[in-house]
């Protein structure tokens, strides 16, 4: 069985996502997934708040993680 972690890029800042992803990598998870939507999944979210871009986020996480698949 493989385990993955889904990043909610509409809720966390990049430093929070980076730190969580490093922990996930160190815990031995197999993969990290991000959403790629122009609007967040949470309908209560203020649409004026920033959202992390999927490609840029995965690129940044590739520098920070060692074993986990992105």
PDB file of N, CA and C in Angstrom:
ATOM      1  N   UNK A   1       0.838  -1.162   0.000  1.00  0.00           N
ATOM      2  CA  UNK A   1       0.000   0.000   0.000  1.00  0.00           C
ATOM      3  C   UNK A   1       0.893   1.237   0.000  1.00  0.00           C
ATOM      4  N   UNK A   2       0.483   2.237  -0.778  1.00  0.00           N
ATOM      5  CA  UNK A   2       1.233   3.493  -0.838  1.00  0.00           C
ATOM      6  C   UNK A   2       0.396   4.615  -0.247  1.00  0.00           C
ATOM      7  N   UNK A   3       1.088   5.585   0.333  1.00  0.00           N
ATOM      8  CA  UNK A   3       0.407   6.715   0.958  1.00  0.00           C
ATOM      9  C   UNK A   3       0.859   8.017   0.319  1.00  0.00           C
ATOM     10  N   UNK A   4      -0.102   8.907   0.103  1.00  0.00           N
ATOM     11  CA  UNK A   4       0.194  10.215  -0.453  1.00  0.00           C
ATOM     12  C   UNK A   4      -0.381  11.312   0.427  1.00  0.00           C
ATOM     13  N   UNK A   5       0.088  12.507   0.197  1.00  0.00           N
ATOM     14  CA  UNK A   5      -0.356  13.679   0.947  1.00  0.00           C
ATOM     15  C   UNK A   5      -0.878  14.707  -0.050  1.00  0.00           C
ATOM     16  N   UNK A   6      -2.078  15.230   0.188  1.00  0.00           N
ATOM     17  CA  UNK A   6      -2.679  16.236  -0.683  1.00  0.00           C
ATOM     18  C   UNK A   6      -2.512  17.607  -0.049  1.00  0.00           C
ATOM     19  N   UNK A   7      -1.849  18.508  -0.755  1.00  0.00           N
ATOM     20  CA  UNK A   7      -1.595  19.864  -0.272  1.00  0.00           C
ATOM     21  C   UNK A   7      -2.786  20.747  -0.605  1.00  0.00           C
ATOM     22  N   UNK A   8      -3.337  21.382   0.405  1.00  0.00           N
ATOM     23  CA  UNK A   8      -4.414  22.356   0.174  1.00  0.00           C
ATOM     24  C   UNK A   8      -3.763  23.717  -0.003  1.00  0.00           C
ATOM     25  N   UNK A   9      -3.496  24.064  -1.247  1.00  0.00           N
ATOM     26  CA  UNK A   9      -2.739  25.284  -1.539  1.00  0.00           C
ATOM     27  C   UNK A   9      -3.562  26.558  -1.388  1.00  0.00           C
ATOM     28  N   UNK A  10      -4.816  26.423  -1.025  1.00  0.00           N
ATOM     29  CA  UNK A  10      -5.637  27.614  -0.777  1.00  0.00           C
ATOM     30  C   UNK A  10      -5.705  27.939   0.705  1.00  0.00           C
ATOM     31  N   UNK A  11      -5.139  27.097   1.539  1.00  0.00           N
ATOM     32  CA  UNK A  11      -5.252  27.269   2.988  1.00  0.00           C
ATOM     33  C   UNK A  11      -3.921  27.682   3.609  1.00  0.00           C
ATOM     34  N   UNK A  12      -2.830  27.123   3.112  1.00  0.00           N
ATOM     35  CA  UNK A  12      -1.525  27.324   3.727  1.00  0.00           C
ATOM     36  C   UNK A  12      -0.646  28.274   2.915  1.00  0.00           C
ATOM     37  N   UNK A  13       0.293  28.902   3.581  1.00  0.00           N
ATOM     38  CA  UNK A  13       1.305  29.708   2.903  1.00  0.00           C
ATOM     39  C   UNK A  13       2.408  28.777   2.403  1.00  0.00           C
ATOM     40  N   UNK A  14       3.295  29.285   1.530  1.00  0.00           N
ATOM     41  CA  UNK A  14       4.368  28.428   1.039  1.00  0.00           C
ATOM     42  C   UNK A  14       5.262  27.897   2.161  1.00  0.00           C
ATOM     43  N   UNK A  15       5.691  28.719   3.113  1.00  0.00           N
ATOM     44  CA  UNK A  15       6.530  28.160   4.188  1.00  0.00           C
ATOM     45  C   UNK A  15       5.834  27.021   4.948  1.00  0.00           C
ATOM     46  N   UNK A  16       4.533  27.127   5.142  1.00  0.00           N
ATOM     47  CA  UNK A  16       3.799  26.055   5.828  1.00  0.00           C
ATOM     48  C   UNK A  16       3.753  24.798   4.962  1.00  0.00           C
ATOM     49  N   UNK A  17       3.479  24.957   3.669  1.00  0.00           N
ATOM     50  CA  UNK A  17       3.445  23.810   2.751  1.00  0.00           C
ATOM     51  C   UNK A  17       4.823  23.167   2.665  1.00  0.00           C
ATOM     52  N   UNK A  18       5.865  23.988   2.571  1.00  0.00           N
ATOM     53  CA  UNK A  18       7.238  23.472   2.507  1.00  0.00           C
ATOM     54  C   UNK A  18       7.559  22.635   3.740  1.00  0.00           C
ATOM     55  N   UNK A  19       7.265  23.169   4.922  1.00  0.00           N
ATOM     56  CA  UNK A  19       7.572  22.454   6.162  1.00  0.00           C
ATOM     57  C   UNK A  19       6.780  21.154   6.268  1.00  0.00           C
ATOM     58  N   UNK A  20       5.499  21.194   5.917  1.00  0.00           N
ATOM     59  CA  UNK A  20       4.680  19.974   5.939  1.00  0.00           C
ATOM     60  C   UNK A  20       5.199  18.947   4.937  1.00  0.00           C
ATOM     61  N   UNK A  21       5.594  19.401   3.759  1.00  0.00           N
ATOM     62  CA  UNK A  21       6.081  18.490   2.723  1.00  0.00           C
ATOM     63  C   UNK A  21       7.394  17.838   3.123  1.00  0.00           C
ATOM     64  N   UNK A  22       8.259  18.575   3.774  1.00  0.00           N
ATOM     65  CA  UNK A  22       9.510  17.994   4.264  1.00  0.00           C
ATOM     66  C   UNK A  22       9.215  16.933   5.320  1.00  0.00           C
ATOM     67  N   UNK A  23       8.271  17.200   6.209  1.00  0.00           N
ATOM     68  CA  UNK A  23       7.878  16.203   7.214  1.00  0.00           C
ATOM     69  C   UNK A  23       7.295  14.965   6.553  1.00  0.00           C
ATOM     70  N   UNK A  24       6.431  15.174   5.551  1.00  0.00           N
ATOM     71  CA  UNK A  24       5.820  14.060   4.818  1.00  0.00           C
ATOM     72  C   UNK A  24       6.912  13.223   4.150  1.00  0.00           C
ATOM     73  N   UNK A  25       7.875  13.870   3.534  1.00  0.00           N
ATOM     74  CA  UNK A  25       8.992  13.179   2.889  1.00  0.00           C
ATOM     75  C   UNK A  25       9.783  12.372   3.914  1.00  0.00           C
ATOM     76  N   UNK A  26      10.092  12.968   5.047  1.00  0.00           N
ATOM     77  CA  UNK A  26      10.861  12.283   6.094  1.00  0.00           C
ATOM     78  C   UNK A  26      10.091  11.139   6.742  1.00  0.00           C
ATOM     79  N   UNK A  27       8.761  11.223   6.747  1.00  0.00           N
ATOM     80  CA  UNK A  27       7.941  10.149   7.317  1.00  0.00           C
ATOM     81  C   UNK A  27       7.805   8.951   6.379  1.00  0.00           C
ATOM     82  N   UNK A  28       8.246   9.097   5.132  1.00  0.00           N
ATOM     83  CA  UNK A  28       8.216   7.976   4.202  1.00  0.00           C
ATOM     84  C   UNK A  28       6.987   7.899   3.319  1.00  0.00           C
ATOM     85  N   UNK A  29       6.221   8.973   3.217  1.00  0.00           N
ATOM     86  CA  UNK A  29       5.084   8.968   2.298  1.00  0.00           C
ATOM     87  C   UNK A  29       5.606   8.773   0.876  1.00  0.00           C
ATOM     88  N   UNK A  30       4.757   8.237   0.003  1.00  0.00           N
ATOM     89  CA  UNK A  30       5.173   7.944  -1.362  1.00  0.00           C
ATOM     90  C   UNK A  30       5.014   9.120  -2.316  1.00  0.00           C
ATOM     91  N   UNK A  31       4.029   9.983  -2.069  1.00  0.00           N
ATOM     92  CA  UNK A  31       3.764  11.057  -3.024  1.00  0.00           C
ATOM     93  C   UNK A  31       3.134  12.271  -2.354  1.00  0.00           C
ATOM     94  N   UNK A  32       3.273  13.400  -3.043  1.00  0.00           N
ATOM     95  CA  UNK A  32       2.618  14.644  -2.650  1.00  0.00           C
ATOM     96  C   UNK A  32       1.834  15.128  -3.863  1.00  0.00           C
ATOM     97  N   UNK A  33       0.600  15.515  -3.635  1.00  0.00           N
ATOM     98  CA  UNK A  33      -0.279  15.978  -4.711  1.00  0.00           C
ATOM     99  C   UNK A  33      -0.731  17.402  -4.420  1.00  0.00           C
ATOM    100  N   UNK A  34      -0.907  18.190  -5.474  1.00  0.00           N
ATOM    101  CA  UNK A  34      -1.414  19.553  -5.324  1.00  0.00           C
ATOM    102  C   UNK A  34      -2.596  19.750  -6.264  1.00  0.00           C
ATOM    103  N   UNK A  35      -3.463  20.694  -5.909  1.00  0.00           N
ATOM    104  CA  UNK A  35      -4.584  20.985  -6.798  1.00  0.00           C
ATOM    105  C   UNK A  35      -4.178  22.055  -7.802  1.00  0.00           C
ATOM    106  N   UNK A  36      -4.844  22.058  -8.939  1.00  0.00           N
ATOM    107  CA  UNK A  36      -4.548  23.017  -9.999  1.00  0.00           C
ATOM    108  C   UNK A  36      -5.864  23.634 -10.467  1.00  0.00           C
ATOM    109  N   UNK A  37      -6.380  24.539  -9.667  1.00  0.00           N
ATOM    110  CA  UNK A  37      -7.643  25.214  -9.964  1.00  0.00           C
ATOM    111  C   UNK A  37      -7.423  26.714  -9.867  1.00  0.00           C
ATOM    112  N   UNK A  38      -8.177  27.445 -10.634  1.00  0.00           N
ATOM    113  CA  UNK A  38      -8.095  28.902 -10.543  1.00  0.00           C
ATOM    114  C   UNK A  38      -8.793  29.416  -9.292  1.00  0.00           C
ATOM    115  N   UNK A  39      -9.775  28.682  -8.833  1.00  0.00           N
ATOM    116  CA  UNK A  39     -10.482  29.029  -7.601  1.00  0.00           C
ATOM    117  C   UNK A  39     -10.342  27.868  -6.638  1.00  0.00           C
ATOM    118  N   UNK A  40     -10.321  28.168  -5.368  1.00  0.00           N
ATOM    119  CA  UNK A  40     -10.188  27.122  -4.367  1.00  0.00           C
ATOM    120  C   UNK A  40     -11.410  26.225  -4.299  1.00  0.00           C
ATOM    121  N   UNK A  41     -11.220  25.061  -3.737  1.00  0.00           N
ATOM    122  CA  UNK A  41     -12.306  24.102  -3.580  1.00  0.00           C
ATOM    123  C   UNK A  41     -13.255  24.523  -2.467  1.00  0.00           C
ATOM    124  N   UNK A  42     -12.756  25.289  -1.535  1.00  0.00           N
ATOM    125  CA  UNK A  42     -13.558  25.713  -0.391  1.00  0.00           C
ATOM    126  C   UNK A  42     -14.391  26.930  -0.791  1.00  0.00           C
ATOM    127  N   UNK A  43     -15.686  26.778  -0.839  1.00  0.00           N
ATOM    128  CA  UNK A  43     -16.557  27.871  -1.289  1.00  0.00           C
ATOM    129  C   UNK A  43     -16.602  29.013  -0.293  1.00  0.00           C
ATOM    130  N   UNK A  44     -16.145  28.787   0.926  1.00  0.00           N
ATOM    131  CA  UNK A  44     -16.118  29.842   1.934  1.00  0.00           C
ATOM    132  C   UNK A  44     -14.878  30.715   1.816  1.00  0.00           C
ATOM    133  N   UNK A  45     -13.934  30.297   0.999  1.00  0.00           N
ATOM    134  CA  UNK A  45     -12.675  31.028   0.858  1.00  0.00           C
ATOM    135  C   UNK A  45     -12.925  32.390   0.214  1.00  0.00           C
ATOM    136  N   UNK A  46     -12.242  33.387   0.715  1.00  0.00           N
ATOM    137  CA  UNK A  46     -12.280  34.723   0.119  1.00  0.00           C
ATOM    138  C   UNK A  46     -11.472  34.669  -1.174  1.00  0.00           C
ATOM    139  N   UNK A  47     -12.100  34.913  -2.292  1.00  0.00           N
ATOM    140  CA  UNK A  47     -11.431  34.767  -3.586  1.00  0.00           C
ATOM    141  C   UNK A  47     -10.354  35.818  -3.824  1.00  0.00           C
ATOM    142  N   UNK A  48     -10.258  36.783  -2.960  1.00  0.00           N
ATOM    143  CA  UNK A  48      -9.203  37.786  -3.096  1.00  0.00           C
ATOM    144  C   UNK A  48      -7.901  37.321  -2.457  1.00  0.00           C
ATOM    145  N   UNK A  49      -7.955  36.255  -1.687  1.00  0.00           N
ATOM    146  CA  UNK A  49      -6.746  35.746  -1.044  1.00  0.00           C
ATOM    147  C   UNK A  49      -5.886  35.001  -2.059  1.00  0.00           C
ATOM    148  N   UNK A  50      -4.570  35.037  -1.896  1.00  0.00           N
ATOM    149  CA  UNK A  50      -3.690  34.365  -2.858  1.00  0.00           C
ATOM    150  C   UNK A  50      -3.807  32.849  -2.783  1.00  0.00           C
ATOM    151  N   UNK A  51      -3.497  32.217  -3.900  1.00  0.00           N
ATOM    152  CA  UNK A  51      -3.497  30.761  -3.993  1.00  0.00           C
ATOM    153  C   UNK A  51      -2.189  30.352  -4.658  1.00  0.00           C
ATOM    154  N   UNK A  52      -1.558  29.323  -4.153  1.00  0.00           N
ATOM    155  CA  UNK A  52      -0.281  28.875  -4.702  1.00  0.00           C
ATOM    156  C   UNK A  52      -0.488  28.201  -6.055  1.00  0.00           C
ATOM    157  N   UNK A  53       0.313  28.572  -7.046  1.00  0.00           N
ATOM    158  CA  UNK A  53       0.251  27.979  -8.376  1.00  0.00           C
ATOM    159  C   UNK A  53       0.839  26.571  -8.335  1.00  0.00           C
ATOM    160  N   UNK A  54       0.170  25.613  -8.970  1.00  0.00           N
ATOM    161  CA  UNK A  54       0.562  24.206  -8.882  1.00  0.00           C
ATOM    162  C   UNK A  54       1.962  23.941  -9.436  1.00  0.00           C
ATOM    163  N   UNK A  55       2.259  24.450 -10.623  1.00  0.00           N
ATOM    164  CA  UNK A  55       3.563  24.183 -11.242  1.00  0.00           C
ATOM    165  C   UNK A  55       4.696  24.815 -10.435  1.00  0.00           C
ATOM    166  N   UNK A  56       4.497  26.042 -10.008  1.00  0.00           N
ATOM    167  CA  UNK A  56       5.526  26.719  -9.212  1.00  0.00           C
ATOM    168  C   UNK A  56       5.717  26.027  -7.862  1.00  0.00           C
ATOM    169  N   UNK A  57       4.611  25.579  -7.265  1.00  0.00           N
ATOM    170  CA  UNK A  57       4.681  24.895  -5.978  1.00  0.00           C
ATOM    171  C   UNK A  57       5.439  23.577  -6.102  1.00  0.00           C
ATOM    172  N   UNK A  58       5.115  22.781  -7.121  1.00  0.00           N
ATOM    173  CA  UNK A  58       5.808  21.507  -7.317  1.00  0.00           C
ATOM    174  C   UNK A  58       7.296  21.719  -7.598  1.00  0.00           C
ATOM    175  N   UNK A  59       7.613  22.755  -8.359  1.00  0.00           N
ATOM    176  CA  UNK A  59       9.013  23.069  -8.651  1.00  0.00           C
ATOM    177  C   UNK A  59       9.768  23.407  -7.367  1.00  0.00           C
ATOM    178  N   UNK A  60       9.165  24.230  -6.535  1.00  0.00           N
ATOM    179  CA  UNK A  60       9.802  24.610  -5.272  1.00  0.00           C
ATOM    180  C   UNK A  60       9.942  23.405  -4.345  1.00  0.00           C
ATOM    181  N   UNK A  61       8.925  22.551  -4.301  1.00  0.00           N
ATOM    182  CA  UNK A  61       8.984  21.375  -3.426  1.00  0.00           C
ATOM    183  C   UNK A  61      10.008  20.355  -3.913  1.00  0.00           C
ATOM    184  N   UNK A  62      10.272  20.333  -5.216  1.00  0.00           N
ATOM    185  CA  UNK A  62      11.288  19.423  -5.754  1.00  0.00           C
ATOM    186  C   UNK A  62      12.670  19.760  -5.198  1.00  0.00           C
ATOM    187  N   UNK A  63      12.902  21.027  -4.913  1.00  0.00           N
ATOM    188  CA  UNK A  63      14.179  21.454  -4.329  1.00  0.00           C
ATOM    189  C   UNK A  63      14.263  21.038  -2.862  1.00  0.00           C
ATOM    190  N   UNK A  64      13.142  21.042  -2.177  1.00  0.00           N
ATOM    191  CA  UNK A  64      13.110  20.826  -0.725  1.00  0.00           C
ATOM    192  C   UNK A  64      13.001  19.359  -0.309  1.00  0.00           C
ATOM    193  N   UNK A  65      12.432  18.504  -1.165  1.00  0.00           N
ATOM    194  CA  UNK A  65      12.203  17.101  -0.800  1.00  0.00           C
ATOM    195  C   UNK A  65      13.248  16.206  -1.455  1.00  0.00           C
ATOM    196  N   UNK A  66      13.359  14.979  -0.952  1.00  0.00           N
ATOM    197  CA  UNK A  66      14.402  14.078  -1.436  1.00  0.00           C
ATOM    198  C   UNK A  66      13.858  12.813  -2.108  1.00  0.00           C
ATOM    199  N   UNK A  67      12.865  12.153  -1.489  1.00  0.00           N
ATOM    200  CA  UNK A  67      12.432  10.841  -1.961  1.00  0.00           C
ATOM    201  C   UNK A  67      11.010  10.803  -2.505  1.00  0.00           C
ATOM    202  N   UNK A  68      10.167  11.679  -2.027  1.00  0.00           N
ATOM    203  CA  UNK A  68       8.745  11.627  -2.345  1.00  0.00           C
ATOM    204  C   UNK A  68       8.505  12.007  -3.812  1.00  0.00           C
ATOM    205  N   UNK A  69       7.526  11.340  -4.444  1.00  0.00           N
ATOM    206  CA  UNK A  69       7.151  11.679  -5.819  1.00  0.00           C
ATOM    207  C   UNK A  69       6.205  12.864  -5.798  1.00  0.00           C
ATOM    208  N   UNK A  70       6.383  13.769  -6.739  1.00  0.00           N
ATOM    209  CA  UNK A  70       5.529  14.949  -6.830  1.00  0.00           C
ATOM    210  C   UNK A  70       4.616  14.824  -8.028  1.00  0.00           C
TER     211      UNK A  70
END
